Amino acid sequence: MNSETLVTGVIGMCLWLGAGGGGDGAAGVDGDRLAVEHAGGRNGAARFAGGLRGGGPIAVGPADQSCVPATLRSVVRQAVSAARAPAAAAAADGASSAMPGRAGGEAAAESRLYDFYPMAGSLRGDIFNGGFADLDGGPGFHDFDCRPFTYDGHAGIDTEIRSFGEQDVGVPVFAVLPGRVIFAQDGYPDKNVNGGEQGNIVGLDHGQGRWTWYYHLKKNSVAVRVGDDVPAGRQIGMVGSSGNSYGPHLHFESQNDEVPVEVFAGPCRPGESGWRDQEPLDHDDLHLMDFATTEVDLDGHPGLPFEMPRSGQIGLDDPMIRFWLKGVNLPVESDWRVRFYRPDGSLALDSAWFFFNEEVWRSYWFWWEYDVPDMHTITGTWHVLVEFNGQEMVRAPIEVRQRRTPKFNRPPVAVTVRFDPPAPREDDVLFCRLDSPVLLDDLDYDIVRYRYVWRVGGEVVRDVVSAGQSDALVAFTARDGDVVSCTVTPGDGRANGPATGVEVEFGMAGDLDGDRDIDLDDYRAFFACTNGPQRDPAPECGENVNADLDGDRDVDLADFSLLAGNHTGPR
């Protein structure tokens, strides 16, 4: 893809995340580190008042340390050279390479387009693209969008998960294209928060000079060996924090002829995108990734990314109610407000407005504590409302009981499931995605793990438990005419929520009402959705109807052509 822009600097692979400190008076607080702000590293400490007790921006790694230490870089290069030697010798003898996906000209460029981000989860939900490749040729830095969401010499895309708790459950990493494993390393510690040298890594050669690298993987999760040919969508590992990392995330890096490239297109990386359908990344989208209440005193707790206390209940005799949250994209000079509401809906406490920060914070966490007098006398379902800059961030339930009991537990809420793409072909990597709340997925704020059971023609082909809000089925697992289903059961480790399923027949693009015929009823459903279910669906467009048959996020003539071309009529 000749429009891709080369990344300057070293082949950098470290996370912009860092462990947050405790709050005002907390043990282990590093005030200087707390003040480090991701987008430029300037000072901007939080203002602790009005119930806000701790947290702050989630900091970058040390600027004076290479993301890939020289020792690791040397090991990788030597191993890759050794792996390539037999193929080079065969080519010299006139033999053709068996590398999958080789092509020439436009076909080669087309075969390198990415259809999906190679890890489980939901962007702007339970995972977050926080850092990108540095495209500045000098000592400064900027990303593809001319924003400072990178650092000097960084060469890939960093995508975080919420905590080590999700890492413990497991968040799969997938091969973004078909390829051959040229490097695989496992067995190193995976909960680093202070960097390190070695890590768990997979490298793939996709042909035409395109390599991809998957860094910081979970210990003992690497599922491939050097020399393996892997199809697109194959699970190759899980997200971790091994190597020179400061929290659980995937560093995903693309290279052309061993030179890093940025696949996102933007003002500072003009040309065609390396994604077949580049999703818009709203760098100003202020939202939360996690939230929980607890009776536990968080003063002295190490904070995220370590697992935090969680409880949906509090007893009348508990002295304080605490809650914590993790969010992204906090604008400069943001303010916050907290209100507690009694079970009858009346206001019990209003913190009034307080200011947060003096700089933009790309990623952050905070915790509050309050003594709400009526929480010592009134039982029932209370609510806490948290607002940033006048925007409701969460309205969360708190169950106040006579006393806390260990057996009190509610199962996770029901999930909504969809396929992506909605009308898959044999060569598609099919994702089973959850359109479900990321904050209130469990009313006790337990970490939810999802069991994905995939069936093709009624036979189970994949059965996995993951903390990610999506899962993938390997390309070519199903053929035209096969019925593929995905059943998702949420659980919290003690109880399961209701199972939800979705199914599709491959090669049946246009069967919008699910009756295994493409007929007039499907045309009616299609025209009810022609202003786009992905954007602003018409009221007549059914909740589970997706008329975007080609998956380009618009309902247009191309989708109608697919519908008409697959017309079967009543049988």
Protein backbone atom coordinates (compact mmCIF):
# COMPACT_ATOMS: atom_id res chain seq x y z
CA MET A 1 0.00 0.00 0.00
CA ASN A 2 2.14 2.83 -1.31
CA SER A 3 0.14 5.49 0.49
CA GLU A 4 1.18 4.23 3.92
CA THR A 5 3.46 6.54 5.83
CA LEU A 6 6.68 5.27 7.33
CA VAL A 7 7.04 5.67 11.07
CA THR A 8 10.08 7.57 12.24
CA GLY A 9 12.32 6.62 15.10
CA VAL A 10 12.96 3.29 16.77
CA ILE A 11 10.67 0.30 16.62
CA GLY A 12 8.93 1.29 19.82
CA MET A 13 6.72 -1.07 21.76
CA CYS A 14 5.78 0.20 25.18
CA LEU A 15 2.57 1.38 26.71
CA TRP A 16 1.57 4.91 27.48
CA LEU A 17 -0.19 3.59 30.55
CA GLY A 18 1.20 3.74 34.05
CA ALA A 19 -0.08 2.75 37.46
CA GLY A 20 -1.97 5.57 39.11
CA GLY A 21 -1.23 6.65 42.64
CA GLY A 22 -3.44 6.80 45.66
CA GLY A 23 -5.15 9.99 46.59
CA ASP A 24 -4.60 12.79 49.04
CA GLY A 25 -2.63 11.25 51.88
CA ALA A 26 -2.54 7.78 50.33
CA ALA A 27 0.42 5.51 50.84
CA GLY A 28 2.72 5.08 47.88
CA VAL A 29 1.75 8.31 46.09
CA ASP A 30 4.33 9.60 43.64
CA GLY A 31 3.30 13.21 43.18
CA ASP A 32 5.55 13.82 40.19
CA ARG A 33 4.28 10.76 38.38
CA LEU A 34 0.68 11.56 39.25
CA ALA A 35 1.12 14.89 37.52
CA VAL A 36 2.47 13.45 34.28
CA GLU A 37 -0.03 13.93 31.49
CA HIS A 38 -0.04 11.60 28.52
CA ALA A 39 -0.34 14.14 25.75
CA GLY A 40 2.98 15.88 26.25
CA GLY A 41 4.01 15.00 29.78
CA ARG A 42 3.24 18.37 31.32
CA ASN A 43 2.24 18.87 34.92
CA GLY A 44 -1.42 19.05 35.83
CA ALA A 45 -2.16 17.41 39.16
CA ALA A 46 -5.72 16.76 40.22
CA ARG A 47 -7.41 18.95 42.82
CA PHE A 48 -8.65 16.79 45.67
CA ALA A 49 -11.68 18.31 47.38
CA GLY A 50 -15.37 17.77 47.99
CA GLY A 51 -15.13 13.99 48.34
CA LEU A 52 -12.57 13.38 45.59
CA ARG A 53 -9.79 11.51 47.36
CA GLY A 54 -7.38 10.02 44.86
CA GLY A 55 -6.40 9.08 41.34
CA GLY A 56 -5.26 11.17 38.43
CA PRO A 57 -3.99 10.76 34.88
CA ILE A 58 -2.69 7.36 33.90
CA ALA A 59 0.88 8.20 33.05
CA VAL A 60 3.21 7.37 30.19
CA GLY A 61 6.21 5.16 30.60
CA PRO A 62 9.62 6.73 31.21
CA ALA A 63 10.68 8.95 28.33
CA ASP A 64 14.36 8.12 28.75
CA GLN A 65 13.99 4.39 28.10
CA SER A 66 13.74 2.56 24.78
CA CYS A 67 10.40 0.87 24.26
CA VAL A 68 12.20 -2.16 22.86
CA PRO A 69 15.48 -2.65 24.71
CA ALA A 70 18.49 -3.43 22.54
CA THR A 71 18.73 -6.96 23.92
CA LEU A 72 15.16 -7.79 22.89
CA ARG A 73 15.56 -6.17 19.49
CA SER A 74 18.65 -8.29 18.87
CA VAL A 75 16.88 -11.50 19.92
CA VAL A 76 13.94 -10.78 17.61
CA ARG A 77 16.12 -9.97 14.60
CA GLN A 78 18.28 -13.06 15.02
CA ALA A 79 15.25 -15.31 15.39
CA VAL A 80 13.51 -13.84 12.35
CA SER A 81 16.65 -14.18 10.24
CA ALA A 82 16.94 -17.82 11.23
CA ALA A 83 13.28 -18.46 10.42
CA ARG A 84 13.60 -16.85 6.98
CA ALA A 85 16.79 -18.68 5.97
CA PRO A 86 15.12 -21.87 4.64
CA ALA A 87 12.64 -19.87 2.54
CA ALA A 88 15.45 -17.73 1.15
CA ALA A 89 17.43 -20.85 0.21
CA ALA A 90 14.39 -22.37 -1.48
CA ALA A 91 13.80 -19.18 -3.45
CA ALA A 92 17.44 -19.22 -4.57
CA ASP A 93 16.90 -22.75 -5.91
CA GLY A 94 13.90 -21.57 -7.90
CA ALA A 95 11.23 -22.90 -5.58
CA SER A 96 8.18 -20.78 -4.91
CA SER A 97 7.35 -19.55 -1.44
CA ALA A 98 4.40 -21.15 0.31
CA MET A 99 3.62 -17.95 2.18
CA PRO A 100 -0.16 -17.52 2.07
CA GLY A 101 -1.72 -14.46 0.50
CA ARG A 102 1.03 -13.53 -1.96
CA ALA A 103 -0.12 -11.48 -4.94
CA GLY A 104 1.02 -8.66 -7.14
CA GLY A 105 0.06 -5.08 -7.91
CA GLU A 106 -3.38 -3.95 -6.77
CA ALA A 107 -4.22 -7.44 -5.51
CA ALA A 108 -1.27 -7.29 -3.14
CA ALA A 109 -2.35 -3.92 -1.76
CA GLU A 110 -5.93 -5.11 -1.39
CA SER A 111 -4.85 -8.26 0.46
CA ARG A 112 -3.09 -6.15 3.10
CA LEU A 113 -6.13 -4.11 4.10
CA TYR A 114 -7.30 -4.82 7.65
CA ASP A 115 -10.96 -5.66 8.17
CA PHE A 116 -10.90 -5.61 11.98
CA TYR A 117 -8.83 -4.63 14.98
CA PRO A 118 -7.03 -7.81 16.11
CA MET A 119 -8.28 -8.20 19.66
CA ALA A 120 -11.50 -8.97 21.46
CA GLY A 121 -13.51 -6.11 22.91
CA SER A 122 -15.49 -3.08 21.88
CA LEU A 123 -13.74 0.15 20.95
CA ARG A 124 -15.17 3.06 22.95
CA GLY A 125 -16.42 0.40 25.34
CA ASP A 126 -14.22 -2.06 27.21
CA ILE A 127 -11.07 -1.37 25.15
CA PHE A 128 -9.47 1.92 24.11
CA ASN A 129 -7.05 2.99 21.37
CA GLY A 130 -4.96 5.37 23.42
CA GLY A 131 -1.66 5.68 21.58
CA PHE A 132 -0.60 5.60 17.96
CA ALA A 133 2.59 5.73 15.89
CA ASP A 134 4.82 8.81 16.07
CA LEU A 135 4.94 10.45 12.62
CA ASP A 136 7.20 13.36 13.56
CA GLY A 137 10.64 13.10 11.97
CA GLY A 138 12.41 15.01 14.72
CA PRO A 139 12.58 14.98 18.50
CA GLY A 140 8.91 15.97 18.77
CA PHE A 141 5.92 13.74 18.23
CA HIS A 142 2.43 13.66 16.72
CA ASP A 143 0.06 10.95 15.53
CA PHE A 144 -1.77 10.44 12.23
CA ASP A 145 -4.43 12.95 13.27
CA CYS A 146 -1.82 15.60 14.17
CA ARG A 147 -2.65 15.01 17.84
CA PRO A 148 -0.11 14.34 20.60
CA PHE A 149 -1.49 10.87 21.37
CA THR A 150 1.86 9.14 20.96
CA TYR A 151 5.41 9.71 22.16
CA ASP A 152 8.79 10.09 20.52
CA GLY A 153 9.69 6.98 18.56
CA HIS A 154 6.52 4.99 19.22
CA ALA A 155 5.76 2.77 16.23
CA GLY A 156 2.44 1.03 16.80
CA ILE A 157 -1.10 1.17 18.16
CA ASP A 158 -1.59 0.69 21.90
CA THR A 159 -5.00 -0.60 22.96
CA GLU A 160 -5.69 -1.01 26.64
CA ILE A 161 -8.07 -3.20 28.56
CA ARG A 162 -9.52 -2.03 31.87
CA SER A 163 -7.44 -3.84 34.49
CA PHE A 164 -5.50 -6.92 35.46
CA GLY A 165 -8.85 -8.40 36.46
CA GLU A 166 -9.91 -8.60 32.81
CA GLN A 167 -6.46 -9.91 31.93
CA ASP A 168 -6.90 -12.75 34.43
CA VAL A 169 -10.15 -13.78 32.73
CA GLY A 170 -8.52 -13.46 29.32
CA VAL A 171 -8.88 -11.13 26.31
CA PRO A 172 -7.99 -12.87 23.02
CA VAL A 173 -5.66 -11.47 20.35
CA PHE A 174 -6.25 -12.53 16.74
CA ALA A 175 -4.19 -12.69 13.54
CA VAL A 176 -5.25 -9.66 11.51
CA LEU A 177 -4.41 -11.35 8.17
CA PRO A 178 -3.44 -14.86 7.08
CA GLY A 179 0.27 -15.38 7.55
CA ARG A 180 3.15 -17.45 8.82
CA VAL A 181 4.60 -17.21 12.31
CA ILE A 182 8.15 -15.84 12.16
CA PHE A 183 8.56 -15.19 15.88
CA ALA A 184 6.87 -16.53 19.00
CA GLN A 185 8.03 -16.08 22.57
CA ASP A 186 6.25 -16.92 25.83
CA GLY A 187 6.84 -17.60 29.51
CA TYR A 188 7.69 -14.11 30.77
CA PRO A 189 5.92 -12.27 33.64
CA ASP A 190 2.80 -10.50 32.46
CA LYS A 191 1.78 -8.00 35.15
CA ASN A 192 4.53 -5.45 34.73
CA VAL A 193 3.82 -1.88 35.80
CA ASN A 194 7.42 -0.65 35.77
CA GLY A 195 8.63 -1.84 32.40
CA GLY A 196 11.15 -4.55 31.74
CA GLU A 197 12.98 -6.10 28.83
CA GLN A 198 11.66 -9.47 27.70
CA GLY A 199 8.02 -10.10 26.93
CA ASN A 200 5.61 -12.49 25.27
CA ILE A 201 5.45 -11.74 21.55
CA VAL A 202 4.13 -13.05 18.24
CA GLY A 203 5.33 -11.90 14.81
CA LEU A 204 3.57 -12.81 11.54
CA ASP A 205 4.71 -12.56 7.91
CA HIS A 206 1.75 -11.94 5.60
CA GLY A 207 3.64 -11.83 2.34
CA GLN A 208 4.42 -8.86 0.07
CA GLY A 209 6.77 -7.57 2.76
CA ARG A 210 3.99 -7.02 5.34
CA TRP A 211 4.73 -8.12 8.90
CA THR A 212 2.61 -7.61 11.99
CA TRP A 213 3.73 -7.76 15.61
CA TYR A 214 1.73 -8.43 18.77
CA TYR A 215 3.54 -7.39 21.96
CA HIS A 216 3.07 -7.62 25.75
CA LEU A 217 0.98 -10.81 25.61
CA LYS A 218 -0.23 -12.73 28.65
CA LYS A 219 2.07 -15.41 30.02
CA ASN A 220 1.38 -18.92 28.67
CA SER A 221 -1.19 -17.56 26.20
CA VAL A 222 0.85 -17.74 22.98
CA ALA A 223 -0.98 -20.34 20.90
CA VAL A 224 1.28 -20.59 17.82
CA ARG A 225 4.79 -21.73 16.98
CA VAL A 226 7.37 -20.47 14.49
CA GLY A 227 6.57 -21.89 11.07
CA ASP A 228 2.83 -22.25 11.67
CA ASP A 229 0.56 -20.98 8.90
CA VAL A 230 -2.36 -19.20 10.54
CA PRO A 231 -5.61 -18.02 8.95
CA ALA A 232 -7.07 -14.58 9.58
CA GLY A 233 -8.93 -14.48 12.87
CA ARG A 234 -6.95 -17.28 14.51
CA GLN A 235 -6.41 -16.67 18.23
CA ILE A 236 -2.65 -16.29 18.68
CA GLY A 237 -2.50 -15.10 22.30
CA MET A 238 -4.13 -12.95 24.95
CA VAL A 239 -3.66 -9.38 26.13
CA GLY A 240 -1.17 -8.93 28.98
CA SER A 241 1.47 -6.60 30.38
CA SER A 242 4.71 -8.46 29.68
CA GLY A 243 7.94 -6.85 28.57
CA ASN A 244 8.48 -3.10 28.70
CA SER A 245 4.88 -2.38 29.66
CA TYR A 246 3.07 -0.37 32.32
CA GLY A 247 -0.38 -1.94 32.22
CA PRO A 248 -2.38 -4.55 30.28
CA HIS A 249 -2.64 -3.70 26.60
CA LEU A 250 -1.84 -4.86 23.10
CA HIS A 251 0.88 -3.10 21.16
CA PHE A 252 -0.05 -3.88 17.54
CA GLU A 253 2.52 -2.90 14.95
CA SER A 254 2.57 -3.13 11.16
CA GLN A 255 5.74 -3.16 9.07
CA ASN A 256 6.46 -2.98 5.36
CA ASP A 257 9.86 -4.47 4.50
CA GLU A 258 10.80 -4.33 8.20
CA VAL A 259 9.97 -0.60 8.44
CA PRO A 260 7.08 0.38 10.75
CA VAL A 261 4.04 1.98 9.10
CA GLU A 262 0.95 3.72 10.44
CA VAL A 263 -2.22 2.21 8.94
CA PHE A 264 -4.58 4.93 10.18
CA ALA A 265 -5.04 7.75 7.66
CA GLY A 266 -5.52 11.37 8.72
CA PRO A 267 -4.31 14.94 8.26
CA CYS A 268 -0.76 14.03 9.27
CA ARG A 269 -0.84 10.71 7.38
CA PRO A 270 -2.53 11.50 4.06
CA GLY A 271 -3.49 8.87 1.53
CA GLU A 272 -5.55 5.73 1.64
CA SER A 273 -6.18 4.03 4.96
CA GLY A 274 -4.73 0.65 5.76
CA TRP A 275 -8.17 -0.31 7.10
CA ARG A 276 -10.81 -1.46 4.64
CA ASP A 277 -13.30 0.63 6.60
CA GLN A 278 -11.49 2.97 8.98
CA GLU A 279 -13.74 3.65 11.94
CA PRO A 280 -13.87 7.26 13.14
CA LEU A 281 -11.85 7.78 16.30
CA ASP A 282 -13.35 10.61 18.32
CA HIS A 283 -10.44 11.86 20.40
CA ASP A 284 -12.83 14.23 22.19
CA ASP A 285 -15.34 11.55 23.18
CA LEU A 286 -15.49 11.88 26.97
CA HIS A 287 -16.68 8.59 28.45
CA LEU A 288 -16.06 6.04 31.19
CA MET A 289 -14.66 2.54 30.73
CA ASP A 290 -15.27 1.23 34.25
CA PHE A 291 -17.06 2.10 37.50
CA ALA A 292 -17.71 0.40 40.83
CA THR A 293 -18.86 1.17 44.36
CA THR A 294 -17.31 -0.31 47.48
CA GLU A 295 -17.25 -0.01 51.27
CA VAL A 296 -13.46 -0.63 51.23
CA ASP A 297 -11.16 2.28 52.11
CA LEU A 298 -9.08 2.87 48.98
CA ASP A 299 -6.53 5.02 50.77
CA GLY A 300 -3.26 3.21 50.17
CA HIS A 301 -4.60 0.92 47.44
CA PRO A 302 -2.13 0.73 44.52
CA GLY A 303 -4.89 1.70 42.11
CA LEU A 304 -5.42 0.74 38.49
CA PRO A 305 -4.37 -1.30 36.59
CA PHE A 306 -4.42 -3.54 39.67
CA GLU A 307 -7.84 -5.00 40.37
CA MET A 308 -9.98 -2.69 42.48
CA PRO A 309 -12.54 -3.56 45.20
CA ARG A 310 -16.08 -3.96 43.90
CA SER A 311 -19.40 -4.34 45.70
CA GLY A 312 -22.97 -3.49 44.85
CA GLN A 313 -24.06 -3.44 48.50
CA ILE A 314 -23.33 -1.41 51.61
CA GLY A 315 -24.54 -1.93 55.18
CA LEU A 316 -26.18 0.64 57.42
CA ASP A 317 -23.21 0.38 59.77
CA ASP A 318 -20.56 0.97 57.09
CA PRO A 319 -18.91 4.32 57.83
CA MET A 320 -18.39 5.44 54.21
CA ILE A 321 -19.49 4.75 50.67
CA ARG A 322 -16.70 4.87 48.08
CA PHE A 323 -16.71 4.63 44.32
CA TRP A 324 -14.05 4.70 41.65
CA LEU A 325 -14.05 5.12 37.90
CA LYS A 326 -11.79 4.88 34.88
CA GLY A 327 -12.31 7.23 31.97
CA VAL A 328 -10.80 8.71 28.83
CA ASN A 329 -10.56 12.07 27.06
CA LEU A 330 -10.98 14.48 29.98
CA PRO A 331 -10.76 18.06 28.62
CA VAL A 332 -8.64 20.73 30.26
CA GLU A 333 -10.19 22.45 33.31
CA SER A 334 -12.99 19.92 33.59
CA ASP A 335 -15.36 20.03 36.53
CA TRP A 336 -17.30 17.34 38.31
CA ARG A 337 -20.39 16.94 40.46
CA VAL A 338 -21.70 14.01 42.53
CA ARG A 339 -25.26 13.54 43.79
CA PHE A 340 -26.79 10.75 45.88
CA TYR A 341 -30.49 9.91 45.57
CA ARG A 342 -32.61 8.02 48.11
CA PRO A 343 -34.73 5.03 47.06
CA ASP A 344 -37.76 7.33 46.69
CA GLY A 345 -35.84 9.50 44.19
CA SER A 346 -35.28 12.46 46.50
CA LEU A 347 -31.88 14.14 46.67
CA ALA A 348 -29.82 13.20 49.73
CA LEU A 349 -26.45 14.82 48.96
CA ASP A 350 -25.09 17.22 46.35
CA SER A 351 -21.35 17.78 46.22
CA ALA A 352 -21.68 20.96 44.13
CA TRP A 353 -19.12 21.61 41.37
CA PHE A 354 -15.37 21.19 41.71
CA PHE A 355 -12.52 21.47 39.22
CA PHE A 356 -10.34 18.55 38.14
CA ASN A 357 -7.35 19.21 35.97
CA GLU A 358 -5.08 21.77 34.34
CA GLU A 359 -4.27 19.67 31.26
CA VAL A 360 -6.03 17.32 28.88
CA TRP A 361 -5.98 13.80 30.32
CA ARG A 362 -6.16 11.06 27.73
CA SER A 363 -6.64 8.30 30.31
CA TYR A 364 -7.32 8.61 34.04
CA TRP A 365 -8.89 7.09 37.14
CA PHE A 366 -10.32 8.62 40.34
CA TRP A 367 -12.02 7.62 43.55
CA TRP A 368 -14.38 9.42 45.93
CA GLU A 369 -15.69 8.76 49.43
CA TYR A 370 -18.70 10.15 51.28
CA ASP A 371 -20.51 9.77 54.56
CA VAL A 372 -24.15 10.15 53.51
CA PRO A 373 -26.17 10.38 56.76
CA ASP A 374 -29.35 8.76 55.43
CA MET A 375 -27.38 5.76 54.17
CA HIS A 376 -27.11 4.75 57.83
CA THR A 377 -30.90 4.64 58.27
CA ILE A 378 -32.66 4.07 54.92
CA THR A 379 -32.35 0.74 53.13
CA GLY A 380 -33.20 0.10 49.49
CA THR A 381 -31.79 0.92 46.07
CA TRP A 382 -29.96 4.24 46.13
CA HIS A 383 -28.33 5.88 43.12
CA VAL A 384 -25.19 7.94 42.67
CA LEU A 385 -25.08 10.35 39.74
CA VAL A 386 -21.65 11.45 38.47
CA GLU A 387 -21.36 14.36 36.03
CA PHE A 388 -18.34 15.79 34.24
CA ASN A 389 -18.76 19.21 32.62
CA GLY A 390 -22.53 18.90 32.92
CA GLN A 391 -22.54 15.54 31.12
CA GLU A 392 -23.97 12.50 32.88
CA MET A 393 -21.19 9.91 33.06
CA VAL A 394 -23.03 7.28 35.08
CA ARG A 395 -26.14 6.90 37.22
CA ALA A 396 -25.30 3.84 39.26
CA PRO A 397 -27.37 1.83 41.75
CA ILE A 398 -26.18 1.09 45.30
CA GLU A 399 -28.03 -1.47 47.36
CA VAL A 400 -28.16 -0.30 51.00
CA ARG A 401 -28.96 -3.23 53.32
CA GLN A 402 -29.24 -3.80 57.04
CA ARG A 403 -25.84 -5.44 56.79
CA ARG A 404 -23.60 -6.69 54.05
CA THR A 405 -23.63 -10.44 53.47
CA PRO A 406 -21.15 -12.44 51.38
CA LYS A 407 -23.87 -14.42 49.63
CA PHE A 408 -25.58 -11.33 48.22
CA ASN A 409 -25.09 -11.41 44.47
CA ARG A 410 -26.97 -10.59 41.29
CA PRO A 411 -26.13 -12.17 37.94
CA PRO A 412 -24.96 -10.02 35.02
CA VAL A 413 -27.59 -8.30 32.90
CA ALA A 414 -28.72 -9.72 29.56
CA VAL A 415 -26.60 -8.91 26.52
CA THR A 416 -27.52 -7.93 22.97
CA VAL A 417 -25.59 -9.77 20.27
CA ARG A 418 -24.94 -9.04 16.59
CA PHE A 419 -22.71 -10.33 13.81
CA ASP A 420 -20.05 -8.20 12.14
CA PRO A 421 -20.19 -8.25 9.16
CA PRO A 422 -23.95 -8.84 9.19
CA ALA A 423 -23.90 -10.75 5.88
CA PRO A 424 -20.65 -12.73 6.01
CA ARG A 425 -18.80 -14.45 3.20
CA GLU A 426 -16.58 -17.51 3.44
CA ASP A 427 -13.38 -15.45 3.60
CA ASP A 428 -14.64 -13.09 6.32
CA VAL A 429 -13.49 -13.20 9.91
CA LEU A 430 -16.89 -13.13 11.61
CA PHE A 431 -17.17 -11.24 14.89
CA CYS A 432 -19.84 -11.84 17.50
CA ARG A 433 -20.19 -8.39 19.09
CA LEU A 434 -22.06 -7.27 22.19
CA ASP A 435 -24.03 -4.04 22.13
CA SER A 436 -24.36 -3.95 25.90
CA PRO A 437 -23.64 -1.45 28.67
CA VAL A 438 -20.01 -1.46 29.70
CA LEU A 439 -20.56 0.20 33.11
CA LEU A 440 -23.75 -1.47 34.34
CA ASP A 441 -23.20 -4.93 32.86
CA ASP A 442 -23.37 -6.31 36.42
CA LEU A 443 -25.24 -4.47 39.17
CA ASP A 444 -22.73 -5.67 41.78
CA TYR A 445 -19.94 -4.30 39.54
CA ASP A 446 -18.33 -7.72 39.25
CA ILE A 447 -16.03 -8.33 36.30
CA VAL A 448 -18.16 -10.05 33.69
CA ARG A 449 -16.75 -12.94 31.72
CA TYR A 450 -18.55 -14.01 28.55
CA ARG A 451 -18.79 -17.56 27.27
CA TYR A 452 -18.93 -17.58 23.47
CA VAL A 453 -20.13 -20.82 21.88
CA TRP A 454 -19.88 -20.89 18.08
CA ARG A 455 -21.66 -23.54 16.04
CA VAL A 456 -21.52 -24.32 12.33
CA GLY A 457 -24.34 -26.56 11.18
CA GLY A 458 -25.13 -27.31 14.82
CA GLU A 459 -21.59 -28.50 15.64
CA VAL A 460 -19.52 -26.58 18.19
CA VAL A 461 -16.39 -25.15 16.53
CA ARG A 462 -15.26 -22.69 19.21
CA ASP A 463 -16.07 -22.44 22.92
CA VAL A 464 -14.18 -19.75 24.83
CA VAL A 465 -14.56 -17.63 27.98
CA SER A 466 -13.36 -14.05 27.58
CA ALA A 467 -13.57 -10.69 29.32
CA GLY A 468 -13.83 -9.00 25.91
CA GLN A 469 -17.12 -7.79 24.51
CA SER A 470 -16.56 -9.56 21.20
CA ASP A 471 -15.10 -12.77 19.83
CA ALA A 472 -14.03 -13.94 16.37
CA LEU A 473 -14.54 -16.98 14.17
CA VAL A 474 -11.64 -17.90 11.88
CA ALA A 475 -12.10 -17.21 8.16
CA PHE A 476 -13.24 -20.18 6.05
CA THR A 477 -14.66 -22.01 9.09
CA ALA A 478 -18.07 -21.88 7.38
CA ARG A 479 -19.05 -22.24 3.73
CA ASP A 480 -21.92 -20.80 1.73
CA GLY A 481 -25.14 -22.40 2.91
CA ASP A 482 -23.84 -23.15 6.40
CA VAL A 483 -25.83 -21.80 9.33
CA VAL A 484 -23.52 -20.20 11.89
CA SER A 485 -24.65 -19.32 15.40
CA CYS A 486 -23.03 -17.56 18.33
CA THR A 487 -24.48 -17.96 21.82
CA VAL A 488 -23.18 -15.67 24.56
CA THR A 489 -23.66 -16.31 28.28
CA PRO A 490 -22.47 -13.62 30.70
CA GLY A 491 -21.25 -14.68 34.14
CA ASP A 492 -19.62 -13.13 37.19
CA GLY A 493 -17.92 -16.25 38.55
CA ARG A 494 -20.85 -17.03 40.85
CA ALA A 495 -23.94 -16.79 38.67
CA ASN A 496 -24.77 -16.59 34.98
CA GLY A 497 -27.04 -14.14 33.26
CA PRO A 498 -29.40 -15.16 30.46
CA ALA A 499 -27.86 -16.59 27.30
CA THR A 500 -28.43 -14.71 24.04
CA GLY A 501 -27.80 -15.98 20.54
CA VAL A 502 -27.68 -14.88 16.94
CA GLU A 503 -27.40 -16.90 13.75
CA VAL A 504 -26.85 -16.29 10.06
CA GLU A 505 -26.76 -18.41 6.93
CA PHE A 506 -23.65 -17.75 4.89
CA GLY A 507 -24.54 -16.62 1.39
CA MET A 508 -27.98 -15.39 2.53
CA ALA A 509 -27.28 -11.66 2.51
CA GLY A 510 -30.68 -10.00 2.57
CA ASP A 511 -32.68 -12.40 4.75
CA LEU A 512 -33.62 -9.55 7.05
CA ASP A 513 -36.55 -11.25 8.76
CA GLY A 514 -34.67 -14.50 9.38
CA ASP A 515 -37.16 -16.83 7.66
CA ARG A 516 -34.51 -18.36 5.35
CA ASP A 517 -36.15 -16.73 2.30
CA ILE A 518 -35.29 -13.45 0.61
CA ASP A 519 -38.68 -12.19 -0.49
CA LEU A 520 -41.02 -9.20 -0.39
CA ASP A 521 -40.99 -9.11 3.41
CA ASP A 522 -37.24 -8.52 3.29
CA TYR A 523 -37.67 -5.72 0.75
CA ARG A 524 -40.15 -4.03 3.10
CA ALA A 525 -37.70 -4.38 6.00
CA PHE A 526 -34.91 -3.01 3.84
CA PHE A 527 -36.77 0.11 2.73
CA ALA A 528 -37.81 0.81 6.33
CA CYS A 529 -34.11 1.08 7.15
CA THR A 530 -32.78 2.99 4.15
CA ASN A 531 -31.64 5.94 6.21
CA GLY A 532 -29.18 3.65 7.95
CA PRO A 533 -29.61 1.54 11.09
CA GLN A 534 -26.02 2.34 12.00
CA ARG A 535 -26.80 6.05 12.10
CA ASP A 536 -30.41 7.17 12.49
CA PRO A 537 -32.77 4.25 11.81
CA ALA A 538 -36.36 4.84 10.83
CA PRO A 539 -38.90 3.93 13.53
CA GLU A 540 -40.15 1.08 11.32
CA CYS A 541 -36.67 -0.48 11.23
CA GLY A 542 -36.71 -3.47 13.57
CA GLU A 543 -34.30 -3.56 16.49
CA ASN A 544 -32.47 -6.61 15.12
CA VAL A 545 -32.67 -5.65 11.43
CA ASN A 546 -29.41 -4.60 9.81
CA ALA A 547 -29.86 -3.59 6.18
CA ASP A 548 -26.18 -2.67 5.83
CA LEU A 549 -25.56 -5.87 3.87
CA ASP A 550 -22.06 -5.01 2.69
CA GLY A 551 -20.90 -3.76 6.10
CA ASP A 552 -19.80 -0.30 4.93
CA ARG A 553 -21.86 1.49 7.62
CA ASP A 554 -24.32 2.92 5.12
CA VAL A 555 -27.51 1.57 3.60
CA ASP A 556 -27.39 2.37 -0.10
CA LEU A 557 -27.70 1.00 -3.64
CA ALA A 558 -24.87 -1.47 -3.09
CA ASP A 559 -26.90 -3.09 -0.31
CA PHE A 560 -30.02 -3.15 -2.50
CA SER A 561 -28.02 -4.88 -5.24
CA LEU A 562 -27.03 -7.61 -2.78
CA LEU A 563 -30.64 -7.98 -1.69
CA ALA A 564 -31.96 -8.23 -5.25
CA GLY A 565 -29.16 -10.53 -6.37
CA ASN A 566 -29.95 -13.02 -3.60
CA HIS A 567 -33.73 -12.97 -4.06
CA THR A 568 -35.22 -16.42 -3.57
CA GLY A 569 -38.93 -15.72 -3.19
CA PRO A 570 -41.25 -17.94 -1.17
CA ARG A 571 -40.56 -21.65 -1.32
